[in-house]
Amino acid sequence: MWDYSDKVKDHFFHPRNVGTIENPDGVGEVGSLACGDALKLMFKLDKNRRIADIKFHTFGCGSAIASSSALTELVRGKTLEEAEKITNQDIADYLGGLPEQKMHCSVMGKEALEAAIENYRTGKPVSRAAESKIICTCFGVTEGEIAKVIRENELSTVEEVTNYCKAGGGCGGCHADIEAILQRLGAKKPTAADESDKAATRPKQLTNIKRIQLVQEIIARQIRPALQRDGGDIELVDIEGTRVIVALRGMCSQCPAAGVTLEQWVQAKLREFVDEKITVEEAPK
C-alpha cells in the first residue's frame, strides 16, 4: 500500500473542479481507457486572458484524480503563460509528494494542460501520438514523450521512466529502446547511495492478515458502493496470497464489459491501495 499524504487523500476523496464547461476556450485529452488512465481538461478565459474556470474528468487511480484536482487549483486565475510554467513536480509538491511509482499521474496532468493550451492557440485537437514514433506499444508512449520526461525530471533508469510515463511497464519489450534514449540524452547513472535511498522509500511488505483486511476494507468502502450505484454488486469469494477471487452480482454479472470492470476498476483499486502485485479473478459461475 502506497504512503499517501493527507492532501492527496483529500483531493482524491473530495476532488475540486470536476465537470464540464460549456463552450470552453481550450480542451486537452491525454491517456486512454485502454491504458488505465485518461484525463480530459478544459478551461475558460476571462477578459484579461486569465483562466477563470477550469474543469476535468479523470478515469484512473487515486493519484490521477488527486493530481488532476490539484492542477486545476494551481492554474486557476493564472495567464496561459504563467500556467505553462507549472511542472509535473509542482503538482506533486502541491500534494505533499507522490509515490515514485505514481509520478506518471502528475505528468499526465501537465500534458493535458499543454494540450488544452495548444488547442486554444491553434483551434485544433492535439494528438501526442503523431509527434514521434511509439516506443512503448503497451501504453502508446512515444519517443518524444519519453525524452521529455527524462529531460524535465532528470531521470536515469528505465524504472524511473516507467514511473513517470508508464513506458516499459507492460511486456518489457521496449526496455532496450528506453535505455538507448537514456544513453543518447546522457542520463546520469544512479549511485549505490541513490539505490539505497530508493529502497528505503519502497512500500513495506504486507502480512497476509493485513492484506486480507485491506482488501475487505477497500471493497466495502470504495468498490462496492460504486457498483451498487449502477445496479451491480461484488462478493469477495476468496483470497490466496495476492490472488483475489470475486463474484460479480446484479447488473454487473450480465454486463459484457465485466472483464474490463474487474481489471481496470476492481484490480486497479486494490493495487492502488493494498498491494501492486494483486491479481483479481472472477469465480467460476
Protein backbone atom coordinates (compact mmCIF):
# COMPACT_ATOMS: atom_id res chain seq x y z
CA MET A 1 0.00 0.00 0.00
CA TRP A 2 1.37 3.39 -1.01
CA ASP A 3 2.06 6.05 1.59
CA TYR A 4 -0.16 8.98 0.54
CA SER A 5 -0.10 12.44 2.07
CA ASP A 6 -3.25 13.82 3.68
CA LYS A 7 -3.54 16.29 0.81
CA VAL A 8 -3.53 13.50 -1.80
CA LYS A 9 -6.29 11.72 0.12
CA ASP A 10 -8.28 14.97 0.41
CA HIS A 11 -8.09 15.68 -3.33
CA PHE A 12 -8.97 12.07 -4.12
CA PHE A 13 -12.00 11.84 -1.84
CA HIS A 14 -13.05 15.48 -2.45
CA PRO A 15 -11.78 16.44 -5.93
CA ARG A 16 -12.13 20.07 -6.95
CA ASN A 17 -13.47 21.36 -10.27
CA VAL A 18 -14.87 18.10 -11.66
CA GLY A 19 -17.22 18.57 -14.60
CA THR A 20 -17.51 20.25 -17.97
CA ILE A 21 -17.55 23.83 -19.30
CA GLU A 22 -19.98 24.98 -21.97
CA ASN A 23 -18.07 26.38 -24.96
CA PRO A 24 -14.58 26.09 -23.42
CA ASP A 25 -11.69 28.07 -24.87
CA GLY A 26 -9.28 25.13 -24.72
CA VAL A 27 -9.64 21.35 -24.35
CA GLY A 28 -6.90 18.78 -23.81
CA GLU A 29 -7.28 14.99 -23.73
CA VAL A 30 -4.44 12.64 -22.83
CA GLY A 31 -4.10 8.96 -21.97
CA SER A 32 -6.68 6.31 -22.86
CA LEU A 33 -9.06 3.97 -21.09
CA ALA A 34 -7.18 1.04 -22.62
CA CYS A 35 -4.03 2.15 -20.80
CA GLY A 36 -5.80 2.60 -17.46
CA ASP A 37 -5.52 6.40 -17.15
CA ALA A 38 -7.27 9.12 -19.12
CA LEU A 39 -7.78 12.83 -18.48
CA LYS A 40 -9.90 15.47 -20.21
CA LEU A 41 -9.18 19.06 -19.15
CA MET A 42 -10.92 22.24 -20.30
CA PHE A 43 -10.70 25.91 -19.40
CA LYS A 44 -12.40 29.27 -19.98
CA LEU A 45 -10.55 32.59 -20.05
CA ASP A 46 -11.81 35.92 -18.71
CA LYS A 47 -11.49 39.29 -20.49
CA ASN A 48 -7.94 39.63 -19.15
CA ARG A 49 -6.98 36.25 -20.65
CA ARG A 50 -6.65 34.61 -17.27
CA ILE A 51 -8.06 31.16 -16.50
CA ALA A 52 -11.43 32.00 -14.96
CA ASP A 53 -12.81 28.47 -14.92
CA ILE A 54 -11.26 25.03 -15.35
CA LYS A 55 -12.86 21.60 -15.15
CA PHE A 56 -11.75 17.99 -15.63
CA HIS A 57 -12.86 14.40 -15.94
CA THR A 58 -10.37 11.67 -14.99
CA PHE A 59 -10.52 7.91 -15.35
CA GLY A 60 -7.76 6.36 -13.31
CA CYS A 61 -6.31 5.73 -9.89
CA GLY A 62 -6.48 7.87 -6.77
CA SER A 63 -3.23 9.63 -7.66
CA ALA A 64 -4.57 10.53 -11.12
CA ILE A 65 -7.72 12.07 -9.62
CA ALA A 66 -5.77 13.95 -6.95
CA SER A 67 -3.20 15.24 -9.47
CA SER A 68 -5.92 16.49 -11.82
CA SER A 69 -7.73 18.21 -8.97
CA ALA A 70 -4.51 19.82 -7.72
CA LEU A 71 -3.64 21.06 -11.20
CA THR A 72 -6.94 22.91 -11.54
CA GLU A 73 -6.31 24.67 -8.23
CA LEU A 74 -2.78 25.62 -9.26
CA VAL A 75 -3.68 27.24 -12.59
CA ARG A 76 -6.96 28.98 -11.78
CA GLY A 77 -6.51 32.75 -12.07
CA LYS A 78 -3.24 32.50 -13.98
CA THR A 79 -2.46 33.61 -17.52
CA LEU A 80 -1.65 30.88 -20.02
CA GLU A 81 1.98 31.94 -19.95
CA GLU A 82 2.05 31.55 -16.17
CA ALA A 83 0.18 28.24 -16.30
CA GLU A 84 2.68 26.84 -18.83
CA LYS A 85 5.49 27.26 -16.31
CA ILE A 86 3.88 24.81 -13.87
CA THR A 87 5.73 21.48 -13.93
CA ASN A 88 4.60 17.99 -13.01
CA GLN A 89 6.90 18.28 -9.97
CA ASP A 90 4.95 21.40 -8.90
CA ILE A 91 1.78 19.30 -8.96
CA ALA A 92 3.40 16.58 -6.84
CA ASP A 93 4.84 19.14 -4.40
CA TYR A 94 1.44 20.82 -4.05
CA LEU A 95 0.04 17.45 -2.95
CA GLY A 96 2.78 16.94 -0.40
CA GLY A 97 4.53 14.44 -2.67
CA LEU A 98 3.53 11.35 -4.66
CA PRO A 99 4.97 7.82 -4.54
CA GLU A 100 7.63 7.47 -7.26
CA GLN A 101 5.52 4.78 -8.93
CA LYS A 102 2.68 7.31 -9.30
CA MET A 103 4.58 10.27 -10.71
CA HIS A 104 3.14 9.50 -14.15
CA CYS A 105 -0.15 10.88 -12.84
CA SER A 106 1.37 14.34 -12.35
CA VAL A 107 2.95 14.10 -15.81
CA MET A 108 -0.46 13.31 -17.30
CA GLY A 109 -1.85 16.48 -15.72
CA LYS A 110 0.94 18.61 -17.16
CA GLU A 111 0.43 17.05 -20.61
CA ALA A 112 -3.32 17.69 -20.51
CA LEU A 113 -2.73 21.34 -19.66
CA GLU A 114 -0.23 21.70 -22.52
CA ALA A 115 -2.70 20.06 -24.92
CA ALA A 116 -5.55 22.36 -23.82
CA ILE A 117 -3.40 25.48 -24.27
CA GLU A 118 -2.24 24.31 -27.70
CA ASN A 119 -5.85 23.60 -28.65
CA TYR A 120 -6.75 27.19 -27.67
CA ARG A 121 -3.91 28.65 -29.72
CA THR A 122 -4.37 26.52 -32.84
CA GLY A 123 -8.06 25.67 -32.73
CA LYS A 124 -7.18 22.05 -33.47
CA PRO A 125 -7.29 18.87 -31.37
CA VAL A 126 -3.84 17.84 -30.18
CA SER A 127 -2.59 14.34 -30.94
CA ARG A 128 0.52 13.37 -28.99
CA ALA A 129 0.83 10.08 -30.87
CA ALA A 130 1.58 11.96 -34.09
CA GLU A 131 4.62 13.73 -32.64
CA SER A 132 7.08 10.81 -32.96
CA LYS A 133 7.20 7.05 -33.22
CA ILE A 134 5.66 4.92 -30.49
CA ILE A 135 8.27 3.18 -28.33
CA CYS A 136 6.00 1.51 -25.75
CA THR A 137 3.18 -0.21 -27.63
CA CYS A 138 1.56 -1.46 -24.40
CA PHE A 139 0.78 2.10 -23.26
CA GLY A 140 1.17 4.05 -26.50
CA VAL A 141 4.07 6.21 -25.26
CA THR A 142 6.12 7.96 -27.94
CA GLU A 143 9.85 8.59 -28.17
CA GLY A 144 9.21 12.31 -27.74
CA GLU A 145 7.22 11.81 -24.55
CA ILE A 146 9.92 9.57 -23.07
CA ALA A 147 12.69 12.05 -23.92
CA LYS A 148 10.63 14.90 -22.45
CA VAL A 149 10.12 13.28 -19.04
CA ILE A 150 13.78 12.25 -18.92
CA ARG A 151 14.96 15.81 -19.53
CA GLU A 152 12.42 17.57 -17.31
CA ASN A 153 12.81 15.21 -14.35
CA GLU A 154 16.48 14.24 -14.75
CA LEU A 155 15.69 10.54 -14.95
CA SER A 156 18.48 7.97 -15.20
CA THR A 157 16.94 4.47 -15.24
CA VAL A 158 14.27 2.53 -17.13
CA GLU A 159 12.40 2.05 -13.84
CA GLU A 160 12.21 5.82 -13.32
CA VAL A 161 10.95 6.31 -16.88
CA THR A 162 8.20 3.77 -16.19
CA ASN A 163 7.25 5.61 -13.00
CA TYR A 164 6.94 8.93 -14.84
CA CYS A 165 5.21 7.94 -18.08
CA LYS A 166 4.36 4.19 -17.80
CA ALA A 167 6.62 3.31 -20.76
CA GLY A 168 8.16 -0.10 -20.14
CA GLY A 169 5.55 -1.06 -17.57
CA GLY A 170 3.88 -3.71 -19.71
CA CYS A 171 5.59 -6.53 -21.59
CA GLY A 172 9.06 -5.00 -21.17
CA GLY A 173 9.90 -5.32 -24.87
CA CYS A 174 10.77 -1.62 -25.11
CA HIS A 175 13.32 -1.56 -22.25
CA ALA A 176 16.28 -1.64 -24.66
CA ASP A 177 14.84 1.30 -26.63
CA ILE A 178 14.25 3.29 -23.44
CA GLU A 179 17.81 2.56 -22.32
CA ALA A 180 19.08 3.81 -25.69
CA ILE A 181 17.15 7.08 -25.27
CA LEU A 182 18.61 7.48 -21.77
CA GLN A 183 22.14 6.98 -23.11
CA ARG A 184 21.56 9.37 -26.01
CA LEU A 185 20.43 12.07 -23.61
CA GLY A 186 23.43 11.46 -21.36
CA ALA A 187 21.41 10.32 -18.35
CA LYS A 188 23.49 10.07 -15.18
CA LYS A 189 23.81 6.53 -13.80
CA PRO A 190 22.47 6.10 -10.24
CA THR A 191 25.00 5.61 -7.44
CA ALA A 192 24.84 3.00 -4.66
CA ALA A 193 23.61 5.75 -2.30
CA ASP A 194 20.78 6.60 -4.70
CA GLU A 195 19.67 2.97 -4.80
CA SER A 196 19.78 2.77 -1.00
CA ASP A 197 17.58 5.86 -0.66
CA LYS A 198 15.14 4.48 -3.22
CA ALA A 199 14.87 1.15 -1.41
CA ALA A 200 14.09 2.95 1.84
CA THR A 201 11.03 4.62 0.26
CA ARG A 202 9.50 1.50 -1.30
CA PRO A 203 6.24 0.20 0.24
CA LYS A 204 6.79 -2.18 3.14
CA GLN A 205 5.83 -5.87 2.81
CA LEU A 206 2.31 -6.63 4.00
CA THR A 207 1.47 -9.60 6.20
CA ASN A 208 -1.25 -11.92 4.87
CA ILE A 209 -3.65 -10.85 7.60
CA LYS A 210 -3.10 -7.14 6.90
CA ARG A 211 -3.52 -7.70 3.14
CA ILE A 212 -6.82 -9.54 3.68
CA GLN A 213 -8.08 -6.77 5.97
CA LEU A 214 -7.19 -4.08 3.47
CA VAL A 215 -8.80 -5.94 0.55
CA GLN A 216 -12.03 -6.32 2.54
CA GLU A 217 -11.95 -2.65 3.54
CA ILE A 218 -11.35 -1.26 0.03
CA ILE A 219 -14.06 -3.46 -1.48
CA ALA A 220 -16.55 -2.42 1.20
CA ARG A 221 -15.74 1.31 1.22
CA GLN A 222 -14.82 2.13 -2.37
CA ILE A 223 -15.58 -0.62 -4.87
CA ARG A 224 -18.97 -1.99 -3.79
CA PRO A 225 -20.74 1.41 -3.38
CA ALA A 226 -19.69 2.45 -6.91
CA LEU A 227 -21.00 -0.79 -8.43
CA GLN A 228 -24.23 -0.64 -6.43
CA ARG A 229 -24.98 2.82 -7.81
CA ASP A 230 -25.20 1.18 -11.27
CA GLY A 231 -27.33 -1.71 -10.07
CA GLY A 232 -24.46 -4.13 -9.59
CA ASP A 233 -22.56 -5.62 -6.69
CA ILE A 234 -19.47 -7.64 -5.86
CA GLU A 235 -18.82 -10.51 -3.47
CA LEU A 236 -15.40 -11.41 -2.10
CA VAL A 237 -15.10 -15.20 -2.54
CA ASP A 238 -11.53 -15.97 -1.51
CA ILE A 239 -8.03 -14.54 -1.09
CA GLU A 240 -4.94 -16.63 -1.79
CA GLY A 241 -1.85 -14.51 -1.21
CA THR A 242 -2.05 -11.76 -3.83
CA ARG A 243 -4.76 -13.62 -5.79
CA VAL A 244 -8.21 -12.17 -5.09
CA ILE A 245 -11.26 -14.13 -6.28
CA VAL A 246 -14.58 -12.29 -6.54
CA ALA A 247 -18.07 -12.80 -7.95
CA LEU A 248 -19.96 -10.02 -9.72
CA ARG A 249 -23.64 -9.74 -8.85
CA GLY A 250 -26.70 -7.89 -10.13
CA MET A 251 -26.29 -5.93 -13.36
CA CYS A 252 -22.52 -6.44 -13.26
CA SER A 253 -22.90 -10.22 -13.70
CA GLN A 254 -24.71 -9.66 -17.02
CA CYS A 255 -22.53 -6.85 -18.31
CA PRO A 256 -20.44 -7.63 -21.44
CA ALA A 257 -17.72 -5.33 -20.06
CA ALA A 258 -17.39 -7.28 -16.81
CA GLY A 259 -13.81 -8.22 -17.63
CA VAL A 260 -12.88 -4.57 -18.06
CA THR A 261 -14.57 -3.71 -14.76
CA LEU A 262 -12.56 -6.36 -12.94
CA GLU A 263 -9.21 -5.36 -14.43
CA GLN A 264 -9.46 -1.59 -14.78
CA TRP A 265 -11.61 -0.83 -11.74
CA VAL A 266 -11.52 -3.59 -9.10
CA GLN A 267 -7.95 -4.77 -9.68
CA ALA A 268 -6.67 -1.22 -10.22
CA LYS A 269 -8.17 -0.04 -6.92
CA LEU A 270 -6.77 -2.97 -4.95
CA ARG A 271 -3.33 -2.49 -6.48
CA GLU A 272 -3.51 1.21 -5.70
CA PHE A 273 -4.47 0.91 -2.04
CA VAL A 274 -3.38 -2.58 -1.00
CA ASP A 275 -0.63 -4.32 -3.00
CA GLU A 276 0.67 -3.66 -6.53
CA LYS A 277 1.04 -7.44 -7.10
CA ILE A 278 -2.65 -8.24 -6.63
CA THR A 279 -4.49 -10.02 -9.42
CA VAL A 280 -8.28 -10.22 -9.48
CA GLU A 281 -10.14 -13.19 -10.93
CA GLU A 282 -13.84 -13.90 -11.31
CA ALA A 283 -15.09 -17.03 -9.56
CA PRO A 284 -16.44 -19.78 -11.84
CA LYS A 285 -20.18 -19.42 -12.35
